[in-house]
Structure formats: structure tokens, C-alpha cells
Amino acid sequence: MLLPRALQLKRLRAKPWFLLVPMPLIAVTLLWAQSRRLPRNGSDWLLLSTPVFGVRTNAQGVCRTVTFSASNVGPRTLDFQVRWFECRAGAGPVLATNHLLVINTPLSRGATTSLTWDLLRAPSPDGDLLCCCEICWWGRESLLGRLGRALDGWIDMFVSGWSPPWRNEVLVHGDVFASNSRVADYFRLVHGLTRSKWLEEVAQLRSAGTNRAWRSYFGRFPTAQEEVESEARRAFSSFCMQATNAAQQAESGSRQD
């Protein structure tokens, strides 16, 4: 009689611990559902300031500069890269290009950092200088996602056949443009690129089923000027696609309302 009673007491003491087993899973799932309400619009995460022209002294003397400020207004840390930058004296010579290409910069939530370029000597006043910048960024994995992945082995052991939502988390990302003029005006004034021409080219490329631009480079390396123009066209294409997607989202939202 003592043995069965001892087993009964042991089972009763084990029940509260057994009830606590699902609690971390429930808590993580509820917090994950709450995190899904965070904004997903790229323009809501990284903000770029209007560029400011200035001067600084270096070993060669006084150097003119242009500076952007990048601010993380999203809900968590993000990483960004300057995908494209260009500064010109009006539609004239290039005074600076992107020296930060492939450099990854982390930016904590609520933090701001400055991005500065040295310009080649130019007699033009600030009013004649035009510059434009494109930054691509992506948000880091959420804390809940990391916590959920830490519990994955435990979940597979106790909950068979369930795929937790954090396993399908897609990192939030976006592109942001800034210029000391309107971004569309920069591409029009400096490179002669307009959205109507872009739409025509997209239609032509779709009908042809190939990229004609690369055909002209076949068999030779592009010149430095061709590379500059090619990068500007790529940046302009990204800008147009971003504007198109934003317009489609706004139209879809108005229909739902």
C-alpha cells in the first residue's frame, strides 16, 4: 500500500510542473501576434534628411562637403547601405560618387548617424550643386523571432506537426531616396530621365523579353561614363518602382475604406 501512495503523491507534485510546460510557448505566441502589428512600410523605418553643404579642413586644405543624416525611427535595430550617391555641379562634372558602397552600417532604434562626402574642388555656389542619395536597409530579426528559434527544439519535442510563425519571419526592408531638390527633378535635370520614359522602356523590354541595354556592352567593358549613367538609371528604376508600389498600395487602401 505504501508504494502506490508514494506514486500518487509523486504524480500530484508533478502536475503543476506539467501545466507550466506550455506557458513559455503561449507567451511567445501572444507576443509574436502583437509584434505583427508593427508598421511594415519602408518609409516608416529609415528617414533621410535634406543634404547640407559645408566645408572642412584636411591635409590638402579646405574641402567642401555634403552631409546627409540617417535616422532609425523603426521599432528595432536595422542595417543599411548607401546603394547609390552622386553629386554634380548642375548638369556638369561629377563631384562625388559613392565611396560607401558595400559598407554595412548598423543603426539602433531611435539613433541618428551622419554620412559625409568630400567634394572635388568646384567654383559653383551651393545653389548650383545637385546631389541625390539612395539607401537600402533591412530590419534585424526580432527578439521574439530569436527567442522562438531558441525554443524550436523544445517545441518539436512536445508539439508535433506545428510550424511556429517565427520560422516564416520575413525581414522588413526598403529603399529611401533624398536629394537637395525633388528626387524626380534630379534625375530629369542631370540625366534626362523621366517616369514616362521609364514606363515606355519597361513596356518595350517586356515585349522584347530581353534587356537591350546589356547588348550594347557585349564584347567590351563599359566606360567610366557608361558605368555612371548605368548606375543612375538603375537608381532611377528603383525610385520609379518604389513610387509605383506606393501608389498601388494607396489605391488598394482607399478601395478597402
Protein backbone atom coordinates (compact mmCIF):
# COMPACT_ATOMS: atom_id res chain seq x y z
CA MET A 1 0.00 0.00 0.00
CA LEU A 2 2.89 2.41 0.63
CA LEU A 3 4.28 2.14 -2.89
CA PRO A 4 1.09 3.09 -4.75
CA ARG A 5 0.53 6.00 -2.33
CA ALA A 6 4.06 7.26 -2.93
CA LEU A 7 3.49 7.12 -6.66
CA GLN A 8 0.24 9.07 -6.25
CA LEU A 9 1.97 11.83 -4.28
CA LYS A 10 4.73 11.99 -6.86
CA ARG A 11 2.20 12.39 -9.69
CA LEU A 12 0.35 15.15 -7.81
CA ARG A 13 3.55 17.07 -7.25
CA ALA A 14 4.45 16.70 -10.96
CA LYS A 15 1.14 18.09 -12.25
CA PRO A 16 1.86 21.79 -11.56
CA TRP A 17 5.18 21.49 -13.43
CA PHE A 18 3.41 19.76 -16.29
CA LEU A 19 0.95 22.66 -16.50
CA LEU A 20 3.83 25.16 -16.67
CA VAL A 21 5.37 23.48 -19.74
CA PRO A 22 3.16 25.22 -22.35
CA MET A 23 3.36 28.66 -20.71
CA PRO A 24 6.56 29.89 -22.48
CA LEU A 25 5.11 28.75 -25.79
CA ILE A 26 1.83 30.57 -25.17
CA ALA A 27 3.62 33.73 -24.06
CA VAL A 28 5.92 33.80 -27.10
CA THR A 29 2.99 33.17 -29.45
CA LEU A 30 0.94 36.03 -27.94
CA LEU A 31 3.88 38.42 -28.07
CA TRP A 32 4.57 37.38 -31.65
CA ALA A 33 0.96 38.17 -32.62
CA GLN A 34 1.35 41.60 -31.02
CA SER A 35 4.60 42.25 -32.90
CA ARG A 36 2.85 41.61 -36.21
CA ARG A 37 1.06 44.91 -35.71
CA LEU A 38 4.31 46.83 -36.14
CA PRO A 39 4.49 49.04 -39.26
CA ARG A 40 5.87 47.36 -42.37
CA ASN A 41 6.10 50.39 -44.67
CA GLY A 42 9.70 51.13 -45.64
CA SER A 43 9.21 54.90 -45.37
CA ASP A 44 8.30 54.46 -41.69
CA TRP A 45 11.63 52.94 -40.66
CA LEU A 46 14.53 54.98 -42.08
CA LEU A 47 14.42 58.73 -42.66
CA LEU A 48 16.97 60.72 -44.66
CA SER A 49 17.48 64.43 -44.17
CA THR A 50 17.90 67.01 -46.89
CA PRO A 51 21.64 67.22 -47.67
CA VAL A 52 23.63 70.08 -46.17
CA PHE A 53 26.72 71.53 -47.88
CA GLY A 54 29.67 72.64 -45.77
CA VAL A 55 33.44 72.82 -45.56
CA ARG A 56 36.15 71.14 -43.54
CA THR A 57 39.93 71.29 -43.40
CA ASN A 58 42.06 68.29 -44.32
CA ALA A 59 45.69 67.68 -45.29
CA GLN A 60 45.08 69.19 -48.72
CA GLY A 61 43.46 72.33 -47.34
CA VAL A 62 39.84 73.41 -47.23
CA CYS A 63 37.47 70.84 -48.71
CA ARG A 64 33.80 71.24 -49.49
CA THR A 65 31.48 68.55 -48.16
CA VAL A 66 27.89 67.33 -48.38
CA THR A 67 26.21 65.57 -45.46
CA PHE A 68 23.05 63.51 -45.04
CA SER A 69 21.57 62.40 -41.71
CA ALA A 70 20.00 58.93 -41.49
CA SER A 71 17.58 58.27 -38.60
CA ASN A 72 16.13 54.96 -37.48
CA VAL A 73 12.50 55.62 -36.49
CA GLY A 74 11.54 51.94 -36.70
CA PRO A 75 10.78 49.59 -33.80
CA ARG A 76 14.18 47.84 -33.72
CA THR A 77 17.78 47.92 -34.95
CA LEU A 78 18.33 47.97 -38.70
CA ASP A 79 21.31 47.77 -41.06
CA PHE A 80 21.74 49.93 -44.12
CA GLN A 81 23.99 50.51 -47.11
CA VAL A 82 24.38 53.52 -49.35
CA ARG A 83 23.45 51.92 -52.65
CA TRP A 84 23.96 54.99 -54.81
CA PHE A 85 25.19 58.55 -54.36
CA GLU A 86 26.03 61.27 -56.82
CA CYS A 87 26.84 64.98 -56.58
CA ARG A 88 27.28 67.28 -59.56
CA ALA A 89 27.78 70.93 -60.36
CA GLY A 90 24.39 71.28 -62.00
CA ALA A 91 24.35 69.02 -65.03
CA GLY A 92 28.14 69.30 -65.25
CA PRO A 93 31.04 67.26 -63.88
CA VAL A 94 30.63 64.64 -61.17
CA LEU A 95 32.00 65.99 -57.88
CA ALA A 96 31.48 62.87 -55.77
CA THR A 97 30.25 59.30 -56.12
CA ASN A 98 29.52 56.53 -53.65
CA HIS A 99 32.56 55.68 -51.53
CA LEU A 100 30.36 53.81 -49.02
CA LEU A 101 29.28 51.05 -51.42
CA VAL A 102 29.05 47.56 -49.76
CA ILE A 103 29.77 49.12 -46.34
CA ASN A 104 27.15 47.85 -43.88
CA THR A 105 26.13 50.29 -41.13
CA PRO A 106 24.05 49.22 -38.11
CA LEU A 107 21.65 51.77 -36.65
CA SER A 108 19.93 51.26 -33.33
CA ARG A 109 16.31 52.16 -32.73
CA GLY A 110 16.00 55.93 -32.28
CA ALA A 111 19.61 56.57 -33.36
CA THR A 112 20.84 59.03 -35.99
CA THR A 113 24.09 58.97 -37.93
CA SER A 114 25.70 61.38 -40.40
CA LEU A 115 27.00 60.43 -43.84
CA THR A 116 29.56 62.83 -45.30
CA TRP A 117 31.23 63.04 -48.70
CA ASP A 118 34.18 65.21 -49.67
CA LEU A 119 33.61 67.04 -52.93
CA LEU A 120 36.15 67.82 -55.60
CA ARG A 121 37.02 71.49 -55.80
CA ALA A 122 34.19 73.30 -57.58
CA PRO A 123 33.73 77.03 -58.12
CA SER A 124 29.94 76.63 -58.21
CA PRO A 125 28.00 78.08 -55.26
CA ASP A 126 25.82 75.76 -53.21
CA GLY A 127 22.79 76.76 -55.25
CA ASP A 128 24.35 75.18 -58.35
CA LEU A 129 25.19 71.88 -56.66
CA LEU A 130 22.83 68.94 -57.08
CA CYS A 131 23.09 65.66 -55.21
CA CYS A 132 20.97 62.57 -54.68
CA CYS A 133 21.30 59.52 -52.45
CA GLU A 134 19.70 56.05 -52.34
CA ILE A 135 19.92 53.92 -49.21
CA CYS A 136 18.72 50.32 -48.94
CA TRP A 137 18.07 48.96 -45.47
CA TRP A 138 16.71 45.88 -43.73
CA GLY A 139 15.45 45.37 -40.19
CA ARG A 140 17.13 42.80 -37.99
CA GLU A 141 15.34 39.71 -36.77
CA SER A 142 13.01 40.50 -33.89
CA LEU A 143 13.83 39.48 -30.33
CA LEU A 144 10.74 37.29 -30.38
CA GLY A 145 11.98 35.58 -33.51
CA ARG A 146 15.33 34.81 -31.86
CA LEU A 147 13.59 33.61 -28.71
CA GLY A 148 11.23 31.45 -30.74
CA ARG A 149 14.08 29.84 -32.64
CA ALA A 150 15.77 29.07 -29.31
CA LEU A 151 12.64 27.12 -28.36
CA ASP A 152 12.34 25.30 -31.68
CA GLY A 153 13.92 22.07 -30.45
CA TRP A 154 11.71 22.02 -27.39
CA ILE A 155 8.62 22.74 -29.49
CA ASP A 156 9.35 19.89 -31.90
CA MET A 157 9.73 17.59 -28.92
CA PHE A 158 6.40 18.42 -27.28
CA VAL A 159 4.23 19.77 -30.12
CA SER A 160 4.32 17.55 -33.19
CA GLY A 161 3.36 18.87 -36.62
CA TRP A 162 3.11 22.59 -35.69
CA SER A 163 5.12 25.19 -37.57
CA PRO A 164 5.59 28.30 -35.38
CA PRO A 165 5.02 31.64 -37.14
CA TRP A 166 8.52 32.97 -36.40
CA ARG A 167 10.02 30.32 -38.67
CA ASN A 168 8.46 32.19 -41.59
CA GLU A 169 9.51 35.67 -40.46
CA VAL A 170 10.50 37.87 -43.41
CA LEU A 171 12.94 40.66 -42.63
CA VAL A 172 11.47 44.09 -43.26
CA HIS A 173 13.41 46.09 -45.86
CA GLY A 174 13.11 49.15 -48.05
CA ASP A 175 14.76 51.85 -50.17
CA VAL A 176 14.91 55.54 -49.26
CA PHE A 177 15.89 58.45 -51.53
CA ALA A 178 16.87 62.01 -50.66
CA SER A 179 18.08 65.00 -52.66
CA ASN A 180 18.58 68.73 -52.25
CA SER A 181 15.94 69.06 -54.98
CA ARG A 182 12.96 66.83 -55.67
CA VAL A 183 14.32 63.36 -56.41
CA ALA A 184 12.42 63.18 -59.69
CA ASP A 185 13.80 66.60 -60.68
CA TYR A 186 17.36 65.46 -60.01
CA PHE A 187 17.09 62.56 -62.47
CA ARG A 188 15.35 64.78 -65.02
CA LEU A 189 17.81 67.69 -64.81
CA VAL A 190 21.03 65.68 -64.57
CA HIS A 191 20.30 62.53 -66.58
CA GLY A 192 17.23 63.43 -68.64
CA LEU A 193 15.29 60.56 -67.06
CA THR A 194 11.54 60.82 -66.55
CA ARG A 195 8.92 58.40 -65.31
CA SER A 196 7.07 58.46 -68.64
CA LYS A 197 10.23 57.40 -70.48
CA TRP A 198 10.83 54.71 -67.87
CA LEU A 199 7.33 53.32 -68.37
CA GLU A 200 7.90 53.22 -72.13
CA GLU A 201 11.20 51.38 -71.72
CA VAL A 202 9.65 48.88 -69.31
CA ALA A 203 6.90 48.15 -71.83
CA GLN A 204 9.45 47.73 -74.64
CA LEU A 205 11.64 45.40 -72.58
CA ARG A 206 8.66 43.28 -71.63
CA SER A 207 7.58 42.96 -75.22
CA ALA A 208 11.12 42.17 -76.40
CA GLY A 209 11.74 39.77 -73.50
CA THR A 210 15.35 40.89 -73.12
CA ASN A 211 17.45 43.72 -71.76
CA ARG A 212 18.72 45.70 -74.75
CA ALA A 213 20.96 47.87 -72.60
CA TRP A 214 23.35 44.98 -71.99
CA ARG A 215 23.58 44.23 -75.70
CA SER A 216 25.41 47.48 -76.31
CA TYR A 217 28.13 46.39 -73.84
CA PHE A 218 28.51 42.90 -75.28
CA GLY A 219 32.11 42.14 -76.16
CA ARG A 220 33.64 45.10 -74.28
CA PHE A 221 33.83 46.68 -70.86
CA PRO A 222 31.68 49.78 -70.29
CA THR A 223 33.50 53.08 -70.00
CA ALA A 224 33.60 55.00 -66.71
CA GLN A 225 30.93 57.38 -68.00
CA GLU A 226 28.74 54.48 -69.10
CA GLU A 227 29.04 52.94 -65.63
CA VAL A 228 28.00 56.23 -64.04
CA GLU A 229 24.99 56.50 -66.33
CA SER A 230 24.11 52.84 -65.84
CA GLU A 231 24.11 53.20 -62.05
CA ALA A 232 21.99 56.33 -62.29
CA ARG A 233 19.47 54.53 -64.49
CA ARG A 234 19.35 51.62 -62.06
CA ALA A 235 18.75 54.00 -59.15
CA PHE A 236 16.05 55.79 -61.13
CA SER A 237 14.38 52.48 -61.92
CA SER A 238 14.33 51.66 -58.18
CA PHE A 239 12.83 55.08 -57.47
CA CYS A 240 10.10 54.61 -60.09
CA MET A 241 9.24 51.11 -58.85
CA GLN A 242 9.05 52.41 -55.28
CA ALA A 243 6.69 55.22 -56.35
CA THR A 244 4.56 52.77 -58.35
CA ASN A 245 4.26 50.35 -55.43
CA ALA A 246 3.35 53.17 -53.06
CA ALA A 247 0.63 54.38 -55.45
CA GLN A 248 -0.78 50.86 -55.79
CA GLN A 249 -0.83 50.39 -52.01
CA ALA A 250 -2.58 53.74 -51.53
CA GLU A 251 -5.15 52.84 -54.18
CA SER A 252 -5.74 49.44 -52.59
CA GLY A 253 -6.17 51.06 -49.18
CA SER A 254 -8.70 53.58 -50.48
CA ARG A 255 -10.74 50.80 -52.05
CA GLN A 256 -10.84 48.90 -48.78
CA ASP A 257 -12.03 52.02 -46.97
